[in-house]
PDB file of N, CA and C in Angstrom:
ATOM      1  N   MET A   1      13.005 -21.778  29.408  1.00  0.00           N
ATOM      2  CA  MET A   1      13.213 -20.350  29.275  1.00  0.00           C
ATOM      3  C   MET A   1      14.707 -20.062  29.381  1.00  0.00           C
ATOM      4  N   GLN A   2      15.152 -19.097  28.627  1.00  0.00           N
ATOM      5  CA  GLN A   2      16.563 -18.759  28.633  1.00  0.00           C
ATOM      6  C   GLN A   2      16.896 -17.864  29.824  1.00  0.00           C
ATOM      7  N   ASN A   3      18.155 -17.847  30.202  1.00  0.00           N
ATOM      8  CA  ASN A   3      18.599 -17.096  31.368  1.00  0.00           C
ATOM      9  C   ASN A   3      18.955 -15.669  30.965  1.00  0.00           C
ATOM     10  N   HIS A   4      18.249 -14.684  31.526  1.00  0.00           N
ATOM     11  CA  HIS A   4      18.470 -13.271  31.217  1.00  0.00           C
ATOM     12  C   HIS A   4      19.895 -12.840  31.558  1.00  0.00           C
ATOM     13  N   LYS A   5      20.478 -13.427  32.570  1.00  0.00           N
ATOM     14  CA  LYS A   5      21.821 -13.046  32.993  1.00  0.00           C
ATOM     15  C   LYS A   5      22.886 -13.455  31.977  1.00  0.00           C
ATOM     16  N   LYS A   6      22.582 -14.394  31.113  1.00  0.00           N
ATOM     17  CA  LYS A   6      23.540 -14.834  30.097  1.00  0.00           C
ATOM     18  C   LYS A   6      23.560 -13.913  28.886  1.00  0.00           C
ATOM     19  N   GLN A   7      22.709 -12.894  28.885  1.00  0.00           N
ATOM     20  CA  GLN A   7      22.634 -11.939  27.784  1.00  0.00           C
ATOM     21  C   GLN A   7      22.336 -12.648  26.465  1.00  0.00           C
ATOM     22  N   ASP A   8      21.259 -13.421  26.461  1.00  0.00           N
ATOM     23  CA  ASP A   8      20.837 -14.160  25.286  1.00  0.00           C
ATOM     24  C   ASP A   8      20.608 -13.234  24.100  1.00  0.00           C
ATOM     25  N   SER A   9      20.909 -13.706  22.902  1.00  0.00           N
ATOM     26  CA  SER A   9      20.670 -12.951  21.677  1.00  0.00           C
ATOM     27  C   SER A   9      19.173 -12.829  21.442  1.00  0.00           C
ATOM     28  N   ILE A  10      18.757 -11.656  20.936  1.00  0.00           N
ATOM     29  CA  ILE A  10      17.350 -11.443  20.595  1.00  0.00           C
ATOM     30  C   ILE A  10      17.253 -10.992  19.152  1.00  0.00           C
ATOM     31  N   SER A  11      16.156 -11.357  18.496  1.00  0.00           N
ATOM     32  CA  SER A  11      15.938 -11.031  17.095  1.00  0.00           C
ATOM     33  C   SER A  11      14.558 -10.424  16.910  1.00  0.00           C
ATOM     34  N   VAL A  12      14.364  -9.744  15.782  1.00  0.00           N
ATOM     35  CA  VAL A  12      13.059  -9.218  15.422  1.00  0.00           C
ATOM     36  C   VAL A  12      12.269 -10.368  14.798  1.00  0.00           C
ATOM     37  N   ASN A  13      11.064 -10.603  15.322  1.00  0.00           N
ATOM     38  CA  ASN A  13      10.251 -11.728  14.877  1.00  0.00           C
ATOM     39  C   ASN A  13       8.864 -11.283  14.453  1.00  0.00           C
ATOM     40  N   GLU A  14       8.231 -12.121  13.647  1.00  0.00           N
ATOM     41  CA  GLU A  14       6.829 -11.946  13.297  1.00  0.00           C
ATOM     42  C   GLU A  14       6.106 -13.175  13.816  1.00  0.00           C
ATOM     43  N   ILE A  15       5.083 -12.949  14.625  1.00  0.00           N
ATOM     44  CA  ILE A  15       4.367 -14.037  15.281  1.00  0.00           C
ATOM     45  C   ILE A  15       2.939 -14.063  14.738  1.00  0.00           C
ATOM     46  N   SER A  16       2.525 -15.211  14.209  1.00  0.00           N
ATOM     47  CA  SER A  16       1.172 -15.326  13.672  1.00  0.00           C
ATOM     48  C   SER A  16       0.193 -15.602  14.806  1.00  0.00           C
ATOM     49  N   HIS A  17      -1.099 -15.476  14.508  1.00  0.00           N
ATOM     50  CA  HIS A  17      -2.122 -15.724  15.527  1.00  0.00           C
ATOM     51  C   HIS A  17      -2.161 -17.197  15.942  1.00  0.00           C
ATOM     52  N   THR A  18      -1.493 -18.058  15.180  1.00  0.00           N
ATOM     53  CA  THR A  18      -1.406 -19.475  15.544  1.00  0.00           C
ATOM     54  C   THR A  18      -0.103 -19.773  16.287  1.00  0.00           C
ATOM     55  N   ASN A  19       0.592 -18.712  16.730  1.00  0.00           N
ATOM     56  CA  ASN A  19       1.844 -18.794  17.499  1.00  0.00           C
ATOM     57  C   ASN A  19       3.032 -19.327  16.707  1.00  0.00           C
ATOM     58  N   GLU A  20       2.997 -19.207  15.399  1.00  0.00           N
ATOM     59  CA  GLU A  20       4.155 -19.556  14.581  1.00  0.00           C
ATOM     60  C   GLU A  20       5.086 -18.345  14.562  1.00  0.00           C
ATOM     61  N   VAL A  21       6.349 -18.561  14.912  1.00  0.00           N
ATOM     62  CA  VAL A  21       7.326 -17.479  14.993  1.00  0.00           C
ATOM     63  C   VAL A  21       8.229 -17.532  13.767  1.00  0.00           C
ATOM     64  N   ARG A  22       8.287 -16.410  13.036  1.00  0.00           N
ATOM     65  CA  ARG A  22       9.165 -16.303  11.869  1.00  0.00           C
ATOM     66  C   ARG A  22      10.186 -15.208  12.155  1.00  0.00           C
ATOM     67  N   ASN A  23      11.456 -15.541  12.027  1.00  0.00           N
ATOM     68  CA  ASN A  23      12.535 -14.592  12.287  1.00  0.00           C
ATOM     69  C   ASN A  23      12.642 -13.633  11.109  1.00  0.00           C
ATOM     70  N   ILE A  24      12.452 -12.330  11.341  1.00  0.00           N
ATOM     71  CA  ILE A  24      12.533 -11.323  10.281  1.00  0.00           C
ATOM     72  C   ILE A  24      13.967 -10.875  10.069  1.00  0.00           C
ATOM     73  N   SER A  25      14.719 -10.700  11.156  1.00  0.00           N
ATOM     74  CA  SER A  25      16.109 -10.253  11.045  1.00  0.00           C
ATOM     75  C   SER A  25      16.992 -11.444  10.689  1.00  0.00           C
ATOM     76  N   LYS A  26      17.939 -11.227   9.819  1.00  0.00           N
ATOM     77  CA  LYS A  26      18.842 -12.301   9.370  1.00  0.00           C
ATOM     78  C   LYS A  26      19.742 -12.800  10.495  1.00  0.00           C
ATOM     79  N   LYS A  27      20.097 -11.890  11.409  1.00  0.00           N
ATOM     80  CA  LYS A  27      20.956 -12.248  12.532  1.00  0.00           C
ATOM     81  C   LYS A  27      20.447 -11.534  13.777  1.00  0.00           C
ATOM     82  N   PRO A  28      20.898 -11.919  14.952  1.00  0.00           N
ATOM     83  CA  PRO A  28      20.450 -11.252  16.181  1.00  0.00           C
ATOM     84  C   PRO A  28      20.718  -9.745  16.132  1.00  0.00           C
ATOM     85  N   VAL A  29      19.778  -8.969  16.673  1.00  0.00           N
ATOM     86  CA  VAL A  29      19.904  -7.507  16.655  1.00  0.00           C
ATOM     87  C   VAL A  29      20.381  -6.951  17.993  1.00  0.00           C
ATOM     88  N   GLY A  30      20.534  -7.800  18.983  1.00  0.00           N
ATOM     89  CA  GLY A  30      20.996  -7.337  20.285  1.00  0.00           C
ATOM     90  C   GLY A  30      21.041  -8.481  21.262  1.00  0.00           C
ATOM     91  N   ASN A  31      21.186  -8.124  22.544  1.00  0.00           N
ATOM     92  CA  ASN A  31      21.149  -9.159  23.575  1.00  0.00           C
ATOM     93  C   ASN A  31      20.273  -8.704  24.728  1.00  0.00           C
ATOM     94  N   ALA A  32      19.735  -9.671  25.429  1.00  0.00           N
ATOM     95  CA  ALA A  32      18.760  -9.408  26.490  1.00  0.00           C
ATOM     96  C   ALA A  32      19.370  -8.691  27.687  1.00  0.00           C
ATOM     97  N   GLY A  33      20.688  -8.679  27.814  1.00  0.00           N
ATOM     98  CA  GLY A  33      21.325  -8.011  28.940  1.00  0.00           C
ATOM     99  C   GLY A  33      21.443  -6.512  28.772  1.00  0.00           C
ATOM    100  N   GLU A  34      21.431  -6.034  27.518  1.00  0.00           N
ATOM    101  CA  GLU A  34      21.642  -4.613  27.261  1.00  0.00           C
ATOM    102  C   GLU A  34      20.501  -3.935  26.501  1.00  0.00           C
ATOM    103  N   ASP A  35      19.796  -4.672  25.676  1.00  0.00           N
ATOM    104  CA  ASP A  35      18.800  -4.084  24.783  1.00  0.00           C
ATOM    105  C   ASP A  35      17.373  -4.369  25.254  1.00  0.00           C
ATOM    106  N   ALA A  36      16.466  -3.474  24.863  1.00  0.00           N
ATOM    107  CA  ALA A  36      15.050  -3.638  25.219  1.00  0.00           C
ATOM    108  C   ALA A  36      14.461  -4.816  24.457  1.00  0.00           C
ATOM    109  N   PHE A  37      13.494  -5.485  25.085  1.00  0.00           N
ATOM    110  CA  PHE A  37      12.808  -6.599  24.447  1.00  0.00           C
ATOM    111  C   PHE A  37      11.425  -6.746  25.067  1.00  0.00           C
ATOM    112  N   CYS A  38      10.566  -7.506  24.404  1.00  0.00           N
ATOM    113  CA  CYS A  38       9.241  -7.828  24.914  1.00  0.00           C
ATOM    114  C   CYS A  38       9.158  -9.336  25.082  1.00  0.00           C
ATOM    115  N   VAL A  39       8.301  -9.775  25.989  1.00  0.00           N
ATOM    116  CA  VAL A  39       8.121 -11.197  26.226  1.00  0.00           C
ATOM    117  C   VAL A  39       6.756 -11.615  25.698  1.00  0.00           C
ATOM    118  N   TYR A  40       6.759 -12.700  24.939  1.00  0.00           N
ATOM    119  CA  TYR A  40       5.523 -13.302  24.453  1.00  0.00           C
ATOM    120  C   TYR A  40       5.716 -14.807  24.464  1.00  0.00           C
ATOM    121  N   ASP A  41       4.806 -15.520  25.067  1.00  0.00           N
ATOM    122  CA  ASP A  41       4.869 -16.975  25.155  1.00  0.00           C
ATOM    123  C   ASP A  41       6.168 -17.429  25.816  1.00  0.00           C
ATOM    124  N   HIS A  42       6.592 -16.718  26.840  1.00  0.00           N
ATOM    125  CA  HIS A  42       7.802 -17.018  27.616  1.00  0.00           C
ATOM    126  C   HIS A  42       9.087 -16.911  26.797  1.00  0.00           C
ATOM    127  N   LYS A  43       9.062 -16.154  25.706  1.00  0.00           N
ATOM    128  CA  LYS A  43      10.244 -15.961  24.862  1.00  0.00           C
ATOM    129  C   LYS A  43      10.484 -14.474  24.671  1.00  0.00           C
ATOM    130  N   ARG A  44      11.745 -14.103  24.485  1.00  0.00           N
ATOM    131  CA  ARG A  44      12.116 -12.702  24.288  1.00  0.00           C
ATOM    132  C   ARG A  44      12.132 -12.358  22.806  1.00  0.00           C
ATOM    133  N   HIS A  45      11.572 -11.186  22.493  1.00  0.00           N
ATOM    134  CA  HIS A  45      11.518 -10.708  21.114  1.00  0.00           C
ATOM    135  C   HIS A  45      12.024  -9.266  21.089  1.00  0.00           C
ATOM    136  N   ALA A  46      12.875  -8.945  20.133  1.00  0.00           N
ATOM    137  CA  ALA A  46      13.471  -7.611  20.040  1.00  0.00           C
ATOM    138  C   ALA A  46      12.427  -6.556  19.685  1.00  0.00           C
ATOM    139  N   VAL A  47      12.763  -5.305  19.992  1.00  0.00           N
ATOM    140  CA  VAL A  47      11.906  -4.168  19.643  1.00  0.00           C
ATOM    141  C   VAL A  47      11.668  -4.194  18.134  1.00  0.00           C
ATOM    142  N   GLY A  48      10.416  -3.998  17.749  1.00  0.00           N
ATOM    143  CA  GLY A  48      10.037  -4.047  16.340  1.00  0.00           C
ATOM    144  C   GLY A  48       9.383  -5.356  15.944  1.00  0.00           C
ATOM    145  N   SER A  49       9.426  -6.344  16.833  1.00  0.00           N
ATOM    146  CA  SER A  49       8.752  -7.612  16.561  1.00  0.00           C
ATOM    147  C   SER A  49       7.254  -7.367  16.483  1.00  0.00           C
ATOM    148  N   LYS A  50       6.557  -8.181  15.670  1.00  0.00           N
ATOM    149  CA  LYS A  50       5.128  -7.993  15.456  1.00  0.00           C
ATOM    150  C   LYS A  50       4.356  -9.262  15.731  1.00  0.00           C
ATOM    151  N   ILE A  51       3.178  -9.075  16.320  1.00  0.00           N
ATOM    152  CA  ILE A  51       2.211 -10.156  16.444  1.00  0.00           C
ATOM    153  C   ILE A  51       1.104  -9.836  15.447  1.00  0.00           C
ATOM    154  N   ILE A  52       0.847 -10.753  14.530  1.00  0.00           N
ATOM    155  CA  ILE A  52      -0.233 -10.571  13.563  1.00  0.00           C
ATOM    156  C   ILE A  52      -1.475 -11.236  14.154  1.00  0.00           C
ATOM    157  N   ASN A  53      -2.454 -10.415  14.516  1.00  0.00           N
ATOM    158  CA  ASN A  53      -3.667 -10.914  15.153  1.00  0.00           C
ATOM    159  C   ASN A  53      -4.580 -11.585  14.135  1.00  0.00           C
ATOM    160  N   LYS A  54      -5.519 -12.371  14.627  1.00  0.00           N
ATOM    161  CA  LYS A  54      -6.435 -13.130  13.769  1.00  0.00           C
ATOM    162  C   LYS A  54      -7.212 -12.228  12.824  1.00  0.00           C
ATOM    163  N   ASP A  55      -7.541 -11.003  13.257  1.00  0.00           N
ATOM    164  CA  ASP A  55      -8.304 -10.081  12.419  1.00  0.00           C
ATOM    165  C   ASP A  55      -7.425  -9.263  11.474  1.00  0.00           C
ATOM    166  N   GLY A  56      -6.120  -9.538  11.460  1.00  0.00           N
ATOM    167  CA  GLY A  56      -5.200  -8.846  10.556  1.00  0.00           C
ATOM    168  C   GLY A  56      -4.510  -7.641  11.152  1.00  0.00           C
ATOM    169  N   THR A  57      -4.918  -7.201  12.332  1.00  0.00           N
ATOM    170  CA  THR A  57      -4.248  -6.075  12.983  1.00  0.00           C
ATOM    171  C   THR A  57      -2.910  -6.540  13.546  1.00  0.00           C
ATOM    172  N   GLU A  58      -2.040  -5.580  13.854  1.00  0.00           N
ATOM    173  CA  GLU A  58      -0.712  -5.903  14.359  1.00  0.00           C
ATOM    174  C   GLU A  58      -0.495  -5.331  15.750  1.00  0.00           C
ATOM    175  N   THR A  59       0.278  -6.037  16.535  1.00  0.00           N
ATOM    176  CA  THR A  59       0.728  -5.583  17.841  1.00  0.00           C
ATOM    177  C   THR A  59       2.250  -5.576  17.780  1.00  0.00           C
ATOM    178  N   VAL A  60       2.873  -4.426  18.110  1.00  0.00           N
ATOM    179  CA  VAL A  60       4.313  -4.251  17.922  1.00  0.00           C
ATOM    180  C   VAL A  60       5.017  -4.072  19.263  1.00  0.00           C
ATOM    181  N   CYS A  61       6.209  -4.657  19.380  1.00  0.00           N
ATOM    182  CA  CYS A  61       7.035  -4.525  20.583  1.00  0.00           C
ATOM    183  C   CYS A  61       7.637  -3.120  20.640  1.00  0.00           C
ATOM    184  N   GLN A  62       7.470  -2.443  21.776  1.00  0.00           N
ATOM    185  CA  GLN A  62       7.947  -1.075  21.971  1.00  0.00           C
ATOM    186  C   GLN A  62       9.247  -1.049  22.779  1.00  0.00           C
ATOM    187  N   LYS A  63       9.924   0.094  22.771  1.00  0.00           N
ATOM    188  CA  LYS A  63      11.203   0.249  23.481  1.00  0.00           C
ATOM    189  C   LYS A  63      11.058   0.130  24.996  1.00  0.00           C
ATOM    190  N   ASN A  64       9.862   0.352  25.515  1.00  0.00           N
ATOM    191  CA  ASN A  64       9.651   0.254  26.966  1.00  0.00           C
ATOM    192  C   ASN A  64       9.318  -1.171  27.418  1.00  0.00           C
ATOM    193  N   GLY A  65       9.335  -2.120  26.473  1.00  0.00           N
ATOM    194  CA  GLY A  65       9.099  -3.516  26.811  1.00  0.00           C
ATOM    195  C   GLY A  65       7.639  -3.943  26.777  1.00  0.00           C
ATOM    196  N   SER A  66       6.777  -3.073  26.264  1.00  0.00           N
ATOM    197  CA  SER A  66       5.355  -3.415  26.187  1.00  0.00           C
ATOM    198  C   SER A  66       4.946  -3.648  24.726  1.00  0.00           C
ATOM    199  N   TRP A  67       3.821  -4.302  24.555  1.00  0.00           N
ATOM    200  CA  TRP A  67       3.256  -4.523  23.226  1.00  0.00           C
ATOM    201  C   TRP A  67       2.183  -3.469  22.984  1.00  0.00           C
ATOM    202  N   LYS A  68       2.157  -2.897  21.779  1.00  0.00           N
ATOM    203  CA  LYS A  68       1.188  -1.842  21.466  1.00  0.00           C
ATOM    204  C   LYS A  68       0.444  -2.197  20.187  1.00  0.00           C
ATOM    205  N   ASN A  69      -0.899  -2.078  20.228  1.00  0.00           N
ATOM    206  CA  ASN A  69      -1.708  -2.296  19.039  1.00  0.00           C
ATOM    207  C   ASN A  69      -1.505  -1.157  18.062  1.00  0.00           C
ATOM    208  N   THR A  70      -1.438  -1.491  16.770  1.00  0.00           N
ATOM    209  CA  THR A  70      -1.298  -0.440  15.750  1.00  0.00           C
ATOM    210  C   THR A  70      -2.529  -0.363  14.885  1.00  0.00           C
TER     211      THR A  70
END
């Protein structure tokens, strides 16, 4: 796991139901020291990241650090 105090770069990602992570943003959109992020599978994902569920529904990272079903 990366160290939050180092202000690690975070990116917008798309996560499949098989836990494959695809980076949607071409470059990092912020850092963990200043910007909101959500945690999934012990990794940080920027606001706007999506989890594509097995049934095709999506769960999106919110500004408050939680995941919300859409």
